[in-house]
Amino acid sequence: MTDVVDADELLRRIRVARDWAAEREAGTGGLSGTDGSAGTPAADIDRVVFSVVREVLDEIINPGTHSRQQ
């Protein structure tokens, strides 16, 4: 990736990635590495991973608006 992008394009790309992660988390975008069966261990792991990715991207878009859990 050698394209130079401005801040608006970067934000657009982050939002697209966040929306994609939200779809995957909800199970509407298929599940990687599984047969798509809900409730399987791999599907549960995928859901958690995409949830974390979505939360990180949300924090980039709206810094400081999310609670920190410890």
Protein backbone atom coordinates (compact mmCIF):
# COMPACT_ATOMS: atom_id res chain seq x y z
CA MET A 1 0.00 0.00 0.00
CA THR A 2 1.81 3.05 -1.24
CA ASP A 3 -1.17 5.38 -1.67
CA VAL A 4 -1.04 8.66 0.18
CA VAL A 5 -4.43 9.34 1.75
CA ASP A 6 -5.80 12.34 3.56
CA ALA A 7 -7.48 12.26 6.97
CA ASP A 8 -10.99 12.04 5.51
CA GLU A 9 -10.12 8.99 3.44
CA LEU A 10 -8.40 7.36 6.40
CA LEU A 11 -11.47 7.94 8.57
CA ARG A 12 -13.70 6.53 5.82
CA ARG A 13 -11.55 3.39 5.64
CA ILE A 14 -11.63 2.97 9.42
CA ARG A 15 -15.43 3.28 9.42
CA VAL A 16 -15.72 0.69 6.64
CA ALA A 17 -13.50 -1.67 8.63
CA ARG A 18 -15.55 -1.06 11.79
CA ASP A 19 -18.80 -1.79 9.97
CA TRP A 20 -17.30 -4.96 8.48
CA ALA A 21 -16.16 -6.12 11.93
CA ALA A 22 -19.64 -5.41 13.34
CA GLU A 23 -21.21 -7.55 10.58
CA ARG A 24 -18.79 -10.38 11.28
CA GLU A 25 -19.42 -10.07 15.02
CA ALA A 26 -23.16 -10.36 14.41
CA GLY A 27 -22.60 -13.38 12.21
CA THR A 28 -24.09 -11.81 9.09
CA GLY A 29 -20.82 -11.81 7.18
CA GLY A 30 -19.94 -15.46 7.58
CA LEU A 31 -17.34 -16.85 9.94
CA SER A 32 -13.74 -17.49 9.06
CA GLY A 33 -12.35 -20.95 9.62
CA THR A 34 -15.68 -22.51 10.55
CA ASP A 35 -18.58 -24.14 8.83
CA GLY A 36 -20.72 -21.19 9.93
CA SER A 37 -22.47 -23.10 12.70
CA ALA A 38 -23.50 -20.74 15.47
CA GLY A 39 -22.36 -21.76 18.92
CA THR A 40 -19.27 -23.68 17.83
CA PRO A 41 -16.07 -22.86 19.73
CA ALA A 42 -14.49 -21.36 16.59
CA ALA A 43 -17.58 -19.22 15.94
CA ASP A 44 -17.53 -18.00 19.54
CA ILE A 45 -13.85 -17.07 19.23
CA ASP A 46 -14.49 -15.28 15.93
CA ARG A 47 -17.31 -13.29 17.52
CA VAL A 48 -15.08 -12.18 20.41
CA VAL A 49 -12.23 -11.25 18.06
CA PHE A 50 -14.46 -9.16 15.81
CA SER A 51 -16.03 -7.53 18.86
CA VAL A 52 -12.60 -6.43 20.07
CA VAL A 53 -11.62 -5.16 16.61
CA ARG A 54 -14.86 -3.18 16.39
CA GLU A 55 -14.32 -1.69 19.85
CA VAL A 56 -10.76 -0.61 18.96
CA LEU A 57 -11.94 1.02 15.74
CA ASP A 58 -14.78 2.73 17.63
CA GLU A 59 -12.20 4.14 20.07
CA ILE A 60 -10.11 5.49 17.17
CA ILE A 61 -13.17 7.21 15.69
CA ASN A 62 -14.51 8.53 19.04
CA PRO A 63 -11.61 8.67 21.51
CA GLY A 64 -12.44 8.70 25.20
CA THR A 65 -16.10 7.81 24.81
CA HIS A 66 -15.76 4.16 25.74
CA SER A 67 -15.44 2.80 29.26
CA ARG A 68 -12.32 0.88 30.13
CA GLN A 69 -12.89 -2.52 31.65
CA GLN A 70 -10.17 -4.08 33.76
